[in-house]
PDB file of N, CA and C in Angstrom:
ATOM      1  N   MET A   1    -121.522 -91.407  89.814  1.00  0.00           N
ATOM      2  CA  MET A   1    -120.410 -90.842  89.078  1.00  0.00           C
ATOM      3  C   MET A   1    -120.412 -91.356  87.639  1.00  0.00           C
ATOM      4  N   PHE A   2    -120.397 -92.696  87.450  1.00  0.00           N
ATOM      5  CA  PHE A   2    -120.530 -93.269  86.118  1.00  0.00           C
ATOM      6  C   PHE A   2    -121.112 -94.666  86.227  1.00  0.00           C
ATOM      7  N   GLU A   3    -121.539 -95.209  85.080  1.00  0.00           N
ATOM      8  CA  GLU A   3    -122.195 -96.515  85.033  1.00  0.00           C
ATOM      9  C   GLU A   3    -121.534 -97.372  83.959  1.00  0.00           C
ATOM     10  N   ASN A   4    -121.906 -98.644  83.973  1.00  0.00           N
ATOM     11  CA  ASN A   4    -121.527 -99.582  82.913  1.00  0.00           C
ATOM     12  C   ASN A   4    -120.028 -99.592  82.632  1.00  0.00           C
ATOM     13  N   PHE A   5    -119.222 -99.695  83.673  1.00  0.00           N
ATOM     14  CA  PHE A   5    -117.768 -99.737  83.501  1.00  0.00           C
ATOM     15  C   PHE A   5    -117.373-101.113  82.998  1.00  0.00           C
ATOM     16  N   GLU A   6    -116.662-101.149  81.885  1.00  0.00           N
ATOM     17  CA  GLU A   6    -116.203-102.406  81.309  1.00  0.00           C
ATOM     18  C   GLU A   6    -114.742-102.285  80.915  1.00  0.00           C
ATOM     19  N   VAL A   7    -113.992-103.362  81.165  1.00  0.00           N
ATOM     20  CA  VAL A   7    -112.609-103.440  80.706  1.00  0.00           C
ATOM     21  C   VAL A   7    -112.616-104.280  79.444  1.00  0.00           C
ATOM     22  N   ASN A   8    -111.994-103.761  78.398  1.00  0.00           N
ATOM     23  CA  ASN A   8    -111.995-104.419  77.098  1.00  0.00           C
ATOM     24  C   ASN A   8    -110.571-104.817  76.730  1.00  0.00           C
ATOM     25  N   PRO A   9    -110.262-106.111  76.771  1.00  0.00           N
ATOM     26  CA  PRO A   9    -108.898-106.518  76.403  1.00  0.00           C
ATOM     27  C   PRO A   9    -108.674-106.392  74.898  1.00  0.00           C
ATOM     28  N   LEU A  10    -107.746-105.522  74.521  1.00  0.00           N
ATOM     29  CA  LEU A  10    -107.388-105.340  73.114  1.00  0.00           C
ATOM     30  C   LEU A  10    -105.887-105.539  72.965  1.00  0.00           C
ATOM     31  N   PHE A  11    -105.494-106.101  71.866  1.00  0.00           N
ATOM     32  CA  PHE A  11    -104.082-106.308  71.551  1.00  0.00           C
ATOM     33  C   PHE A  11    -103.369-107.182  72.579  1.00  0.00           C
ATOM     34  N   GLU A  12    -104.086-108.152  73.167  1.00  0.00           N
ATOM     35  CA  GLU A  12    -103.486-109.013  74.178  1.00  0.00           C
ATOM     36  C   GLU A  12    -102.268-109.734  73.626  1.00  0.00           C
ATOM     37  N   GLY A  13    -101.208-109.753  74.425  1.00  0.00           N
ATOM     38  CA  GLY A  13    -100.001-110.456  74.047  1.00  0.00           C
ATOM     39  C   GLY A  13     -99.112-109.695  73.078  1.00  0.00           C
ATOM     40  N   SER A  14     -99.466-108.466  72.755  1.00  0.00           N
ATOM     41  CA  SER A  14     -98.639-107.678  71.835  1.00  0.00           C
ATOM     42  C   SER A  14     -98.014-106.498  72.582  1.00  0.00           C
ATOM     43  N   VAL A  15     -97.091-105.833  71.914  1.00  0.00           N
ATOM     44  CA  VAL A  15     -96.464-104.666  72.539  1.00  0.00           C
ATOM     45  C   VAL A  15     -97.446-103.516  72.712  1.00  0.00           C
ATOM     46  N   HIS A  16     -98.569-103.569  72.018  1.00  0.00           N
ATOM     47  CA  HIS A  16     -99.583-102.515  72.105  1.00  0.00           C
ATOM     48  C   HIS A  16    -100.653-102.827  73.144  1.00  0.00           C
ATOM     49  N   GLU A  17    -100.420-103.841  73.968  1.00  0.00           N
ATOM     50  CA  GLU A  17    -101.416-104.226  74.976  1.00  0.00           C
ATOM     51  C   GLU A  17    -101.460-103.188  76.095  1.00  0.00           C
ATOM     52  N   HIS A  18    -102.601-102.560  76.257  1.00  0.00           N
ATOM     53  CA  HIS A  18    -102.861-101.606  77.329  1.00  0.00           C
ATOM     54  C   HIS A  18    -104.302-101.824  77.763  1.00  0.00           C
ATOM     55  N   PRO A  19    -104.614-101.544  79.035  1.00  0.00           N
ATOM     56  CA  PRO A  19    -105.999-101.675  79.472  1.00  0.00           C
ATOM     57  C   PRO A  19    -106.902-100.649  78.776  1.00  0.00           C
ATOM     58  N   HIS A  20    -107.906-101.127  78.074  1.00  0.00           N
ATOM     59  CA  HIS A  20    -108.915-100.280  77.439  1.00  0.00           C
ATOM     60  C   HIS A  20    -110.198-100.403  78.248  1.00  0.00           C
ATOM     61  N   PHE A  21    -110.998 -99.362  78.277  1.00  0.00           N
ATOM     62  CA  PHE A  21    -112.221 -99.379  79.075  1.00  0.00           C
ATOM     63  C   PHE A  21    -113.301 -98.563  78.399  1.00  0.00           C
ATOM     64  N   SER A  22    -114.524 -98.778  78.852  1.00  0.00           N
ATOM     65  CA  SER A  22    -115.656 -97.953  78.430  1.00  0.00           C
ATOM     66  C   SER A  22    -116.540 -97.715  79.641  1.00  0.00           C
ATOM     67  N   LEU A  23    -117.252 -96.609  79.623  1.00  0.00           N
ATOM     68  CA  LEU A  23    -118.160 -96.260  80.717  1.00  0.00           C
ATOM     69  C   LEU A  23    -119.183 -95.258  80.210  1.00  0.00           C
ATOM     70  N   SER A  24    -120.260 -95.079  80.973  1.00  0.00           N
ATOM     71  CA  SER A  24    -121.287 -94.097  80.642  1.00  0.00           C
ATOM     72  C   SER A  24    -121.394 -93.086  81.766  1.00  0.00           C
ATOM     73  N   VAL A  25    -121.577 -91.842  81.369  1.00  0.00           N
ATOM     74  CA  VAL A  25    -121.810 -90.751  82.319  1.00  0.00           C
ATOM     75  C   VAL A  25    -122.971 -89.946  81.772  1.00  0.00           C
ATOM     76  N   GLU A  26    -124.036 -89.862  82.573  1.00  0.00           N
ATOM     77  CA  GLU A  26    -125.221 -89.089  82.209  1.00  0.00           C
ATOM     78  C   GLU A  26    -125.724 -89.452  80.805  1.00  0.00           C
ATOM     79  N   GLY A  27    -125.695 -90.744  80.496  1.00  0.00           N
ATOM     80  CA  GLY A  27    -126.207 -91.231  79.220  1.00  0.00           C
ATOM     81  C   GLY A  27    -125.236 -91.146  78.058  1.00  0.00           C
ATOM     82  N   ASN A  28    -124.058 -90.585  78.276  1.00  0.00           N
ATOM     83  CA  ASN A  28    -123.039 -90.485  77.222  1.00  0.00           C
ATOM     84  C   ASN A  28    -121.996 -91.576  77.411  1.00  0.00           C
ATOM     85  N   GLN A  29    -121.602 -92.208  76.318  1.00  0.00           N
ATOM     86  CA  GLN A  29    -120.625 -93.289  76.339  1.00  0.00           C
ATOM     87  C   GLN A  29    -119.230 -92.728  76.061  1.00  0.00           C
ATOM     88  N   TYR A  30    -118.248 -93.125  76.886  1.00  0.00           N
ATOM     89  CA  TYR A  30    -116.862 -92.701  76.713  1.00  0.00           C
ATOM     90  C   TYR A  30    -115.970 -93.925  76.731  1.00  0.00           C
ATOM     91  N   LYS A  31    -114.880 -93.860  75.969  1.00  0.00           N
ATOM     92  CA  LYS A  31    -113.917 -94.955  75.911  1.00  0.00           C
ATOM     93  C   LYS A  31    -112.520 -94.373  76.009  1.00  0.00           C
ATOM     94  N   GLY A  32    -111.609 -95.196  76.506  1.00  0.00           N
ATOM     95  CA  GLY A  32    -110.231 -94.756  76.613  1.00  0.00           C
ATOM     96  C   GLY A  32    -109.316 -95.913  76.936  1.00  0.00           C
ATOM     97  N   MET A  33    -108.060 -95.584  77.144  1.00  0.00           N
ATOM     98  CA  MET A  33    -107.064 -96.573  77.532  1.00  0.00           C
ATOM     99  C   MET A  33    -106.127 -95.941  78.541  1.00  0.00           C
ATOM    100  N   ILE A  34    -105.419 -96.802  79.270  1.00  0.00           N
ATOM    101  CA  ILE A  34    -104.449 -96.313  80.236  1.00  0.00           C
ATOM    102  C   ILE A  34    -103.070 -96.761  79.797  1.00  0.00           C
ATOM    103  N   GLU A  35    -102.155 -95.807  79.770  1.00  0.00           N
ATOM    104  CA  GLU A  35    -100.755 -96.095  79.478  1.00  0.00           C
ATOM    105  C   GLU A  35     -99.924 -95.282  80.455  1.00  0.00           C
ATOM    106  N   ASP A  36     -99.034 -95.951  81.177  1.00  0.00           N
ATOM    107  CA  ASP A  36     -98.183 -95.291  82.172  1.00  0.00           C
ATOM    108  C   ASP A  36     -99.009 -94.523  83.203  1.00  0.00           C
ATOM    109  N   ASN A  37    -100.088 -95.146  83.680  1.00  0.00           N
ATOM    110  CA  ASN A  37    -100.992 -94.557  84.679  1.00  0.00           C
ATOM    111  C   ASN A  37    -101.611 -93.235  84.240  1.00  0.00           C
ATOM    112  N   LYS A  38    -101.735 -93.039  82.941  1.00  0.00           N
ATOM    113  CA  LYS A  38    -102.401 -91.852  82.405  1.00  0.00           C
ATOM    114  C   LYS A  38    -103.506 -92.303  81.460  1.00  0.00           C
ATOM    115  N   ILE A  39    -104.671 -91.667  81.581  1.00  0.00           N
ATOM    116  CA  ILE A  39    -105.805 -92.008  80.723  1.00  0.00           C
ATOM    117  C   ILE A  39    -105.718 -91.221  79.427  1.00  0.00           C
ATOM    118  N   HIS A  40    -105.869 -91.931  78.336  1.00  0.00           N
ATOM    119  CA  HIS A  40    -105.960 -91.333  77.006  1.00  0.00           C
ATOM    120  C   HIS A  40    -107.378 -91.601  76.523  1.00  0.00           C
ATOM    121  N   TRP A  41    -108.174 -90.560  76.412  1.00  0.00           N
ATOM    122  CA  TRP A  41    -109.570 -90.689  76.013  1.00  0.00           C
ATOM    123  C   TRP A  41    -109.689 -90.722  74.498  1.00  0.00           C
ATOM    124  N   TYR A  42    -110.626 -91.536  74.024  1.00  0.00           N
ATOM    125  CA  TYR A  42    -110.980 -91.514  72.605  1.00  0.00           C
ATOM    126  C   TYR A  42    -112.042 -90.429  72.434  1.00  0.00           C
ATOM    127  N   ASN A  43    -112.387 -90.136  71.213  1.00  0.00           N
ATOM    128  CA  ASN A  43    -113.437 -89.162  70.939  1.00  0.00           C
ATOM    129  C   ASN A  43    -114.798 -89.802  71.135  1.00  0.00           C
ATOM    130  N   PRO A  44    -115.736 -89.162  71.785  1.00  0.00           N
ATOM    131  CA  PRO A  44    -115.671 -87.822  72.354  1.00  0.00           C
ATOM    132  C   PRO A  44    -114.948 -87.836  73.692  1.00  0.00           C
ATOM    133  N   HIS A  45    -114.258 -86.766  73.984  1.00  0.00           N
ATOM    134  CA  HIS A  45    -113.546 -86.608  75.255  1.00  0.00           C
ATOM    135  C   HIS A  45    -114.553 -86.092  76.280  1.00  0.00           C
ATOM    136  N   PRO A  46    -114.548 -86.631  77.500  1.00  0.00           N
ATOM    137  CA  PRO A  46    -115.530 -86.161  78.490  1.00  0.00           C
ATOM    138  C   PRO A  46    -115.405 -84.680  78.832  1.00  0.00           C
ATOM    139  N   LYS A  47    -114.237 -84.085  78.619  1.00  0.00           N
ATOM    140  CA  LYS A  47    -114.086 -82.651  78.906  1.00  0.00           C
ATOM    141  C   LYS A  47    -114.945 -81.789  77.985  1.00  0.00           C
ATOM    142  N   GLN A  48    -115.437 -82.380  76.902  1.00  0.00           N
ATOM    143  CA  GLN A  48    -116.291 -81.625  75.994  1.00  0.00           C
ATOM    144  C   GLN A  48    -117.676 -81.388  76.585  1.00  0.00           C
ATOM    145  N   THR A  49    -118.093 -82.257  77.529  1.00  0.00           N
ATOM    146  CA  THR A  49    -119.438 -82.120  78.086  1.00  0.00           C
ATOM    147  C   THR A  49    -119.482 -82.044  79.612  1.00  0.00           C
ATOM    148  N   LEU A  50    -118.399 -82.393  80.283  1.00  0.00           N
ATOM    149  CA  LEU A  50    -118.381 -82.425  81.744  1.00  0.00           C
ATOM    150  C   LEU A  50    -117.399 -81.398  82.294  1.00  0.00           C
ATOM    151  N   GLU A  51    -117.613 -81.010  83.545  1.00  0.00           N
ATOM    152  CA  GLU A  51    -116.712 -80.064  84.195  1.00  0.00           C
ATOM    153  C   GLU A  51    -115.400 -80.745  84.545  1.00  0.00           C
ATOM    154  N   GLU A  52    -114.333 -79.967  84.603  1.00  0.00           N
ATOM    155  CA  GLU A  52    -112.976 -80.466  84.856  1.00  0.00           C
ATOM    156  C   GLU A  52    -112.900 -81.296  86.146  1.00  0.00           C
ATOM    157  N   GLU A  53    -113.539 -80.823  87.228  1.00  0.00           N
ATOM    158  CA  GLU A  53    -113.487 -81.553  88.498  1.00  0.00           C
ATOM    159  C   GLU A  53    -114.133 -82.930  88.371  1.00  0.00           C
ATOM    160  N   HIS A  54    -115.224 -82.994  87.623  1.00  0.00           N
ATOM    161  CA  HIS A  54    -115.927 -84.257  87.418  1.00  0.00           C
ATOM    162  C   HIS A  54    -115.044 -85.220  86.622  1.00  0.00           C
ATOM    163  N   VAL A  55    -114.389 -84.725  85.592  1.00  0.00           N
ATOM    164  CA  VAL A  55    -113.509 -85.565  84.780  1.00  0.00           C
ATOM    165  C   VAL A  55    -112.340 -86.071  85.629  1.00  0.00           C
ATOM    166  N   CYS A  56    -111.761 -85.232  86.453  1.00  0.00           N
ATOM    167  CA  CYS A  56    -110.648 -85.642  87.325  1.00  0.00           C
ATOM    168  C   CYS A  56    -111.089 -86.727  88.304  1.00  0.00           C
ATOM    169  N   ALA A  57    -112.277 -86.584  88.867  1.00  0.00           N
ATOM    170  CA  ALA A  57    -112.802 -87.592  89.792  1.00  0.00           C
ATOM    171  C   ALA A  57    -113.039 -88.915  89.061  1.00  0.00           C
ATOM    172  N   ILE A  58    -113.572 -88.844  87.855  1.00  0.00           N
ATOM    173  CA  ILE A  58    -113.809 -90.051  87.051  1.00  0.00           C
ATOM    174  C   ILE A  58    -112.480 -90.730  86.743  1.00  0.00           C
ATOM    175  N   GLU A  59    -111.476 -89.957  86.340  1.00  0.00           N
ATOM    176  CA  GLU A  59    -110.173 -90.527  85.996  1.00  0.00           C
ATOM    177  C   GLU A  59    -109.536 -91.223  87.204  1.00  0.00           C
ATOM    178  N   ALA A  60    -109.623 -90.616  88.378  1.00  0.00           N
ATOM    179  CA  ALA A  60    -109.067 -91.231  89.582  1.00  0.00           C
ATOM    180  C   ALA A  60    -109.764 -92.555  89.887  1.00  0.00           C
ATOM    181  N   LYS A  61    -111.083 -92.577  89.768  1.00  0.00           N
ATOM    182  CA  LYS A  61    -111.856 -93.796  90.022  1.00  0.00           C
ATOM    183  C   LYS A  61    -111.531 -94.872  88.992  1.00  0.00           C
ATOM    184  N   VAL A  62    -111.408 -94.506  87.720  1.00  0.00           N
ATOM    185  CA  VAL A  62    -111.089 -95.473  86.664  1.00  0.00           C
ATOM    186  C   VAL A  62    -109.722 -96.097  86.922  1.00  0.00           C
ATOM    187  N   ILE A  63    -108.730 -95.294  87.269  1.00  0.00           N
ATOM    188  CA  ILE A  63    -107.390 -95.823  87.534  1.00  0.00           C
ATOM    189  C   ILE A  63    -107.428 -96.799  88.700  1.00  0.00           C
ATOM    190  N   THR A  64    -108.157 -96.471  89.759  1.00  0.00           N
ATOM    191  CA  THR A  64    -108.288 -97.373  90.905  1.00  0.00           C
ATOM    192  C   THR A  64    -108.983 -98.669  90.505  1.00  0.00           C
ATOM    193  N   MET A  65    -110.075 -98.554  89.765  1.00  0.00           N
ATOM    194  CA  MET A  65    -110.828 -99.747  89.371  1.00  0.00           C
ATOM    195  C   MET A  65    -110.012-100.630  88.425  1.00  0.00           C
ATOM    196  N   LEU A  66    -109.287-100.037  87.498  1.00  0.00           N
ATOM    197  CA  LEU A  66    -108.470-100.833  86.586  1.00  0.00           C
ATOM    198  C   LEU A  66    -107.314-101.491  87.328  1.00  0.00           C
ATOM    199  N   SER A  67    -106.717-100.802  88.285  1.00  0.00           N
ATOM    200  CA  SER A  67    -105.649-101.399  89.091  1.00  0.00           C
ATOM    201  C   SER A  67    -106.181-102.617  89.843  1.00  0.00           C
ATOM    202  N   ASP A  68    -107.362-102.477  90.446  1.00  0.00           N
ATOM    203  CA  ASP A  68    -107.984-103.596  91.158  1.00  0.00           C
ATOM    204  C   ASP A  68    -108.284-104.737  90.199  1.00  0.00           C
ATOM    205  N   HIS A  69    -108.777-104.415  89.008  1.00  0.00           N
ATOM    206  CA  HIS A  69    -109.129-105.427  88.007  1.00  0.00           C
ATOM    207  C   HIS A  69    -107.892-106.193  87.538  1.00  0.00           C
ATOM    208  N   LEU A  70    -106.780-105.496  87.331  1.00  0.00           N
ATOM    209  CA  LEU A  70    -105.565-106.122  86.821  1.00  0.00           C
ATOM    210  C   LEU A  70    -104.868-106.984  87.877  1.00  0.00           C
ATOM    211  N   GLU A  71    -105.108-106.695  89.157  1.00  0.00           N
ATOM    212  CA  GLU A  71    -104.504-107.488  90.233  1.00  0.00           C
ATOM    213  C   GLU A  71    -105.177-108.834  90.400  1.00  0.00           C
ATOM    214  N   GLN A  72    -106.385-108.991  89.890  1.00  0.00           N
ATOM    215  CA  GLN A  72    -107.141-110.244  90.071  1.00  0.00           C
ATOM    216  C   GLN A  72    -106.560-111.363  89.271  1.00  0.00           C
TER     217      GLN A  72
END
């Protein structure tokens, strides 16, 4: 589904602190953040190159993985 999933702590300790992440899909790098259990993608948005179902599956997996990561 995707590779190289990384959580990037940005703005730690500030009101702008949200989980940021990066991942690769089919050799393309994507980055985003989660706020209120919704993913906000940075440019490029995966919908520009991937099918809607694939993006939805990726988003569900990212939310699960970030939830697991934040519980640790």
